[in-house]
Amino acid sequence: MSKREITKQKILASAWELFGENGYDNTTTRQIARHAGVADGTVFSHFETKLTILREGMLSQLEKIGQEVLATEQDKRAVDVGISLIEHYYRYYFDNVELSRALLKEVIWDLDYYRTFDQALFQTVNVDASISEKMPVIMDSYFMTLINHLSQLEPSLEAALSELNSKIRVILA
């Protein structure tokens, strides 16, 4: 790993730690730089904005979760693997409600970015054509259910998963 990549990872790790301690909105890029032991401007040479840090950090977390799920669920049907991915992702979102809400504010305006991530992940699973053609509807249900439940005063992982599971069953029927 190059020195530049090491610095970028140090900034990302520091940001993630501070987001966890102080919340996304209450963490400044100056605090991130100080925590990472780099100059303030160095943060911006690696990340365009604080939101870019959040985006990359969240995608990194989701990618790790996806790889773990795929490694342990290799022998299952594609539908079961997909449902397992959804459950693990939702669990992460609901464990990190504030970060998830901040990210979802952006997702609404840049769904193509996240669909690319999801499509790359799902390409590692052998999804048959009948499910593949329904993926856009499944992904819309995924995001809208997530947004709806995370916007509640008391978000409920179980309620969100139950609702999404019902929607997916209807879509795949």
C-alpha atoms as a PDB file:
ATOM      1  CA  MET A   1       0.000   0.000   0.000  1.00  0.00           C
ATOM      2  CA  SER A   2       1.375   3.410  -0.970  1.00  0.00           C
ATOM      3  CA  LYS A   3       1.959   6.204   1.514  1.00  0.00           C
ATOM      4  CA  ARG A   4      -0.960   8.112  -0.039  1.00  0.00           C
ATOM      5  CA  GLU A   5      -3.301   5.151   0.418  1.00  0.00           C
ATOM      6  CA  ILE A   6      -2.121   4.670   4.016  1.00  0.00           C
ATOM      7  CA  THR A   7      -2.861   8.342   4.748  1.00  0.00           C
ATOM      8  CA  LYS A   8      -6.285   8.051   3.128  1.00  0.00           C
ATOM      9  CA  GLN A   9      -7.110   4.987   5.230  1.00  0.00           C
ATOM     10  CA  LYS A  10      -5.893   6.759   8.375  1.00  0.00           C
ATOM     11  CA  ILE A  11      -8.192   9.714   7.619  1.00  0.00           C
ATOM     12  CA  LEU A  12     -11.117   7.394   6.919  1.00  0.00           C
ATOM     13  CA  ALA A  13     -10.542   5.399  10.123  1.00  0.00           C
ATOM     14  CA  SER A  14     -10.273   8.607  12.165  1.00  0.00           C
ATOM     15  CA  ALA A  15     -13.439   9.996  10.612  1.00  0.00           C
ATOM     16  CA  TRP A  16     -15.312   6.781  11.311  1.00  0.00           C
ATOM     17  CA  GLU A  17     -14.206   6.788  14.925  1.00  0.00           C
ATOM     18  CA  LEU A  18     -15.181  10.439  15.398  1.00  0.00           C
ATOM     19  CA  PHE A  19     -18.515   9.968  13.626  1.00  0.00           C
ATOM     20  CA  GLY A  20     -19.212   7.178  16.084  1.00  0.00           C
ATOM     21  CA  GLU A  21     -18.238   9.283  19.102  1.00  0.00           C
ATOM     22  CA  ASN A  22     -19.616  12.703  18.150  1.00  0.00           C
ATOM     23  CA  GLY A  23     -22.065  12.009  15.348  1.00  0.00           C
ATOM     24  CA  TYR A  24     -21.682  12.953  11.707  1.00  0.00           C
ATOM     25  CA  ASP A  25     -23.083  16.475  11.999  1.00  0.00           C
ATOM     26  CA  ASN A  26     -20.966  17.296  15.067  1.00  0.00           C
ATOM     27  CA  THR A  27     -17.682  16.145  13.531  1.00  0.00           C
ATOM     28  CA  THR A  28     -15.638  18.637  11.518  1.00  0.00           C
ATOM     29  CA  THR A  29     -12.990  17.911   8.917  1.00  0.00           C
ATOM     30  CA  ARG A  30     -10.545  19.811  11.153  1.00  0.00           C
ATOM     31  CA  GLN A  31     -11.246  17.331  13.982  1.00  0.00           C
ATOM     32  CA  ILE A  32     -10.762  14.463  11.541  1.00  0.00           C
ATOM     33  CA  ALA A  33      -7.424  15.872  10.385  1.00  0.00           C
ATOM     34  CA  ARG A  34      -6.191  16.395  13.949  1.00  0.00           C
ATOM     35  CA  HIS A  35      -7.274  12.920  14.997  1.00  0.00           C
ATOM     36  CA  ALA A  36      -5.546  11.411  11.950  1.00  0.00           C
ATOM     37  CA  GLY A  37      -2.393  13.462  12.590  1.00  0.00           C
ATOM     38  CA  VAL A  38      -2.469  15.204   9.212  1.00  0.00           C
ATOM     39  CA  ALA A  39      -2.787  18.803   8.070  1.00  0.00           C
ATOM     40  CA  ASP A  40      -6.319  20.108   7.530  1.00  0.00           C
ATOM     41  CA  GLY A  41      -5.787  20.397   3.783  1.00  0.00           C
ATOM     42  CA  THR A  42      -4.621  16.796   3.547  1.00  0.00           C
ATOM     43  CA  VAL A  43      -8.168  15.625   4.262  1.00  0.00           C
ATOM     44  CA  PHE A  44      -9.367  17.479   1.172  1.00  0.00           C
ATOM     45  CA  SER A  45      -6.572  16.117  -0.988  1.00  0.00           C
ATOM     46  CA  HIS A  46      -8.058  12.671  -0.361  1.00  0.00           C
ATOM     47  CA  PHE A  47     -11.774  13.438  -0.001  1.00  0.00           C
ATOM     48  CA  GLU A  48     -13.684  16.199  -1.770  1.00  0.00           C
ATOM     49  CA  THR A  49     -16.091  16.766   1.143  1.00  0.00           C
ATOM     50  CA  LYS A  50     -17.035  15.364   4.537  1.00  0.00           C
ATOM     51  CA  LEU A  51     -19.944  13.695   2.763  1.00  0.00           C
ATOM     52  CA  THR A  52     -17.452  11.921   0.492  1.00  0.00           C
ATOM     53  CA  ILE A  53     -15.790  10.551   3.618  1.00  0.00           C
ATOM     54  CA  LEU A  54     -19.148   9.328   4.878  1.00  0.00           C
ATOM     55  CA  ARG A  55     -19.981   7.773   1.523  1.00  0.00           C
ATOM     56  CA  GLU A  56     -16.671   5.946   1.199  1.00  0.00           C
ATOM     57  CA  GLY A  57     -16.706   4.869   4.827  1.00  0.00           C
ATOM     58  CA  MET A  58     -20.220   3.491   4.612  1.00  0.00           C
ATOM     59  CA  LEU A  59     -19.528   1.693   1.341  1.00  0.00           C
ATOM     60  CA  SER A  60     -16.377   0.226   2.864  1.00  0.00           C
ATOM     61  CA  GLN A  61     -18.394  -1.098   5.811  1.00  0.00           C
ATOM     62  CA  LEU A  62     -21.100  -2.501   3.540  1.00  0.00           C
ATOM     63  CA  GLU A  63     -18.496  -4.091   1.288  1.00  0.00           C
ATOM     64  CA  LYS A  64     -16.945  -5.883   4.287  1.00  0.00           C
ATOM     65  CA  ILE A  65     -20.361  -7.081   5.393  1.00  0.00           C
ATOM     66  CA  GLY A  66     -21.141  -8.253   1.860  1.00  0.00           C
ATOM     67  CA  GLN A  67     -17.892 -10.177   1.570  1.00  0.00           C
ATOM     68  CA  GLU A  68     -18.453 -11.848   4.954  1.00  0.00           C
ATOM     69  CA  VAL A  69     -21.997 -12.866   4.030  1.00  0.00           C
ATOM     70  CA  LEU A  70     -20.969 -14.152   0.617  1.00  0.00           C
ATOM     71  CA  ALA A  71     -18.129 -16.166   2.142  1.00  0.00           C
ATOM     72  CA  THR A  72     -20.437 -17.886   4.624  1.00  0.00           C
ATOM     73  CA  GLU A  73     -23.479 -18.326   2.356  1.00  0.00           C
ATOM     74  CA  GLN A  74     -21.820 -19.753  -0.769  1.00  0.00           C
ATOM     75  CA  ASP A  75     -23.881 -22.925  -0.891  1.00  0.00           C
ATOM     76  CA  LYS A  76     -27.280 -21.236  -0.591  1.00  0.00           C
ATOM     77  CA  ARG A  77     -29.721 -20.203  -3.308  1.00  0.00           C
ATOM     78  CA  ALA A  78     -29.278 -16.689  -4.702  1.00  0.00           C
ATOM     79  CA  VAL A  79     -32.562 -15.550  -3.132  1.00  0.00           C
ATOM     80  CA  ASP A  80     -31.448 -16.718   0.313  1.00  0.00           C
ATOM     81  CA  VAL A  81     -28.076 -15.028  -0.108  1.00  0.00           C
ATOM     82  CA  GLY A  82     -29.827 -11.810  -1.148  1.00  0.00           C
ATOM     83  CA  ILE A  83     -32.112 -11.897   1.870  1.00  0.00           C
ATOM     84  CA  SER A  84     -29.148 -12.560   4.142  1.00  0.00           C
ATOM     85  CA  LEU A  85     -27.298  -9.574   2.620  1.00  0.00           C
ATOM     86  CA  ILE A  86     -30.346  -7.380   3.173  1.00  0.00           C
ATOM     87  CA  GLU A  87     -30.656  -8.473   6.798  1.00  0.00           C
ATOM     88  CA  HIS A  88     -26.992  -7.807   7.505  1.00  0.00           C
ATOM     89  CA  TYR A  89     -27.054  -4.434   5.729  1.00  0.00           C
ATOM     90  CA  TYR A  90     -30.224  -3.360   7.521  1.00  0.00           C
ATOM     91  CA  ARG A  91     -28.759  -4.442  10.851  1.00  0.00           C
ATOM     92  CA  TYR A  92     -25.754  -2.220  10.157  1.00  0.00           C
ATOM     93  CA  TYR A  93     -27.951   0.728   9.122  1.00  0.00           C
ATOM     94  CA  PHE A  94     -30.093   0.403  12.238  1.00  0.00           C
ATOM     95  CA  ASP A  95     -27.034   0.045  14.478  1.00  0.00           C
ATOM     96  CA  ASN A  96     -25.761   3.320  12.969  1.00  0.00           C
ATOM     97  CA  VAL A  97     -28.980   5.308  12.571  1.00  0.00           C
ATOM     98  CA  GLU A  98     -27.463   8.802  12.472  1.00  0.00           C
ATOM     99  CA  LEU A  99     -24.806   7.908   9.905  1.00  0.00           C
ATOM    100  CA  SER A 100     -27.397   6.031   7.873  1.00  0.00           C
ATOM    101  CA  ARG A 101     -29.767   8.996   7.890  1.00  0.00           C
ATOM    102  CA  ALA A 102     -26.985  11.342   6.782  1.00  0.00           C
ATOM    103  CA  LEU A 103     -26.012   8.988   3.985  1.00  0.00           C
ATOM    104  CA  LEU A 104     -29.592   8.389   2.860  1.00  0.00           C
ATOM    105  CA  LYS A 105     -30.110  12.128   2.443  1.00  0.00           C
ATOM    106  CA  GLU A 106     -27.489  11.884  -0.276  1.00  0.00           C
ATOM    107  CA  VAL A 107     -28.571   8.519  -1.666  1.00  0.00           C
ATOM    108  CA  ILE A 108     -31.906   9.910  -2.734  1.00  0.00           C
ATOM    109  CA  TRP A 109     -30.081  12.194  -5.155  1.00  0.00           C
ATOM    110  CA  ASP A 110     -27.447   9.722  -6.309  1.00  0.00           C
ATOM    111  CA  LEU A 111     -29.053   6.275  -6.475  1.00  0.00           C
ATOM    112  CA  ASP A 112     -27.017   5.293  -9.545  1.00  0.00           C
ATOM    113  CA  TYR A 113     -23.816   5.349  -7.479  1.00  0.00           C
ATOM    114  CA  TYR A 114     -25.250   2.877  -4.975  1.00  0.00           C
ATOM    115  CA  ARG A 115     -26.948   0.729  -7.593  1.00  0.00           C
ATOM    116  CA  THR A 116     -23.523   0.238  -9.192  1.00  0.00           C
ATOM    117  CA  PHE A 117     -22.196  -1.000  -5.843  1.00  0.00           C
ATOM    118  CA  ASP A 118     -25.176  -3.327  -5.367  1.00  0.00           C
ATOM    119  CA  GLN A 119     -24.995  -4.648  -8.923  1.00  0.00           C
ATOM    120  CA  ALA A 120     -21.289  -5.436  -8.532  1.00  0.00           C
ATOM    121  CA  LEU A 121     -22.025  -7.301  -5.323  1.00  0.00           C
ATOM    122  CA  PHE A 122     -24.965  -9.220  -6.760  1.00  0.00           C
ATOM    123  CA  GLN A 123     -22.918 -10.221  -9.829  1.00  0.00           C
ATOM    124  CA  THR A 124     -20.826 -12.365  -7.499  1.00  0.00           C
ATOM    125  CA  VAL A 125     -24.002 -14.344  -6.749  1.00  0.00           C
ATOM    126  CA  ASN A 126     -25.479 -16.455  -9.525  1.00  0.00           C
ATOM    127  CA  VAL A 127     -28.861 -14.729  -9.890  1.00  0.00           C
ATOM    128  CA  ASP A 128     -31.200 -16.271 -12.449  1.00  0.00           C
ATOM    129  CA  ALA A 129     -32.828 -14.096 -15.113  1.00  0.00           C
ATOM    130  CA  SER A 130     -36.273 -14.020 -13.486  1.00  0.00           C
ATOM    131  CA  ILE A 131     -34.829 -12.432 -10.334  1.00  0.00           C
ATOM    132  CA  SER A 132     -32.330 -10.284 -12.192  1.00  0.00           C
ATOM    133  CA  GLU A 133     -35.061  -8.528 -14.153  1.00  0.00           C
ATOM    134  CA  LYS A 134     -36.864  -7.732 -10.884  1.00  0.00           C
ATOM    135  CA  MET A 135     -33.777  -6.295  -9.169  1.00  0.00           C
ATOM    136  CA  PRO A 136     -34.638  -2.637  -9.917  1.00  0.00           C
ATOM    137  CA  VAL A 137     -38.008  -3.066  -8.162  1.00  0.00           C
ATOM    138  CA  ILE A 138     -36.396  -4.965  -5.284  1.00  0.00           C
ATOM    139  CA  MET A 139     -33.765  -2.229  -4.877  1.00  0.00           C
ATOM    140  CA  ASP A 140     -36.431   0.495  -4.928  1.00  0.00           C
ATOM    141  CA  SER A 141     -38.322  -1.396  -2.228  1.00  0.00           C
ATOM    142  CA  TYR A 142     -35.068  -1.863  -0.311  1.00  0.00           C
ATOM    143  CA  PHE A 143     -34.270   1.860  -0.240  1.00  0.00           C
ATOM    144  CA  MET A 144     -37.800   3.141   0.308  1.00  0.00           C
ATOM    145  CA  THR A 145     -38.413   0.716   3.176  1.00  0.00           C
ATOM    146  CA  LEU A 146     -35.084   1.672   4.718  1.00  0.00           C
ATOM    147  CA  ILE A 147     -35.796   5.396   4.365  1.00  0.00           C
ATOM    148  CA  ASN A 148     -39.311   5.014   5.738  1.00  0.00           C
ATOM    149  CA  HIS A 149     -38.209   3.118   8.826  1.00  0.00           C
ATOM    150  CA  LEU A 150     -35.054   5.111   9.567  1.00  0.00           C
ATOM    151  CA  SER A 151     -37.132   8.291   9.449  1.00  0.00           C
ATOM    152  CA  GLN A 152     -39.230   7.084  12.388  1.00  0.00           C
ATOM    153  CA  LEU A 153     -38.601   8.521  15.846  1.00  0.00           C
ATOM    154  CA  GLU A 154     -37.883   5.003  17.117  1.00  0.00           C
ATOM    155  CA  PRO A 155     -36.573   3.028  14.125  1.00  0.00           C
ATOM    156  CA  SER A 156     -37.321  -0.700  14.335  1.00  0.00           C
ATOM    157  CA  LEU A 157     -35.061  -3.143  12.524  1.00  0.00           C
ATOM    158  CA  GLU A 158     -37.572  -5.968  12.964  1.00  0.00           C
ATOM    159  CA  ALA A 159     -40.462  -3.936  11.510  1.00  0.00           C
ATOM    160  CA  ALA A 160     -38.339  -2.819   8.552  1.00  0.00           C
ATOM    161  CA  LEU A 161     -37.130  -6.347   7.782  1.00  0.00           C
ATOM    162  CA  SER A 162     -40.644  -7.734   8.094  1.00  0.00           C
ATOM    163  CA  GLU A 163     -42.059  -5.133   5.713  1.00  0.00           C
ATOM    164  CA  LEU A 164     -39.257  -5.563   3.184  1.00  0.00           C
ATOM    165  CA  ASN A 165     -39.500  -9.345   3.368  1.00  0.00           C
ATOM    166  CA  SER A 166     -43.227  -9.099   2.574  1.00  0.00           C
ATOM    167  CA  LYS A 167     -42.545  -6.792  -0.374  1.00  0.00           C
ATOM    168  CA  ILE A 168     -39.849  -9.088  -1.757  1.00  0.00           C
ATOM    169  CA  ARG A 169     -42.163 -12.100  -1.518  1.00  0.00           C
ATOM    170  CA  VAL A 170     -44.800 -10.208  -3.526  1.00  0.00           C
ATOM    171  CA  ILE A 171     -42.247  -9.111  -6.112  1.00  0.00           C
ATOM    172  CA  LEU A 172     -40.822 -12.614  -6.521  1.00  0.00           C
ATOM    173  CA  ALA A 173     -44.217 -14.377  -6.530  1.00  0.00           C
END
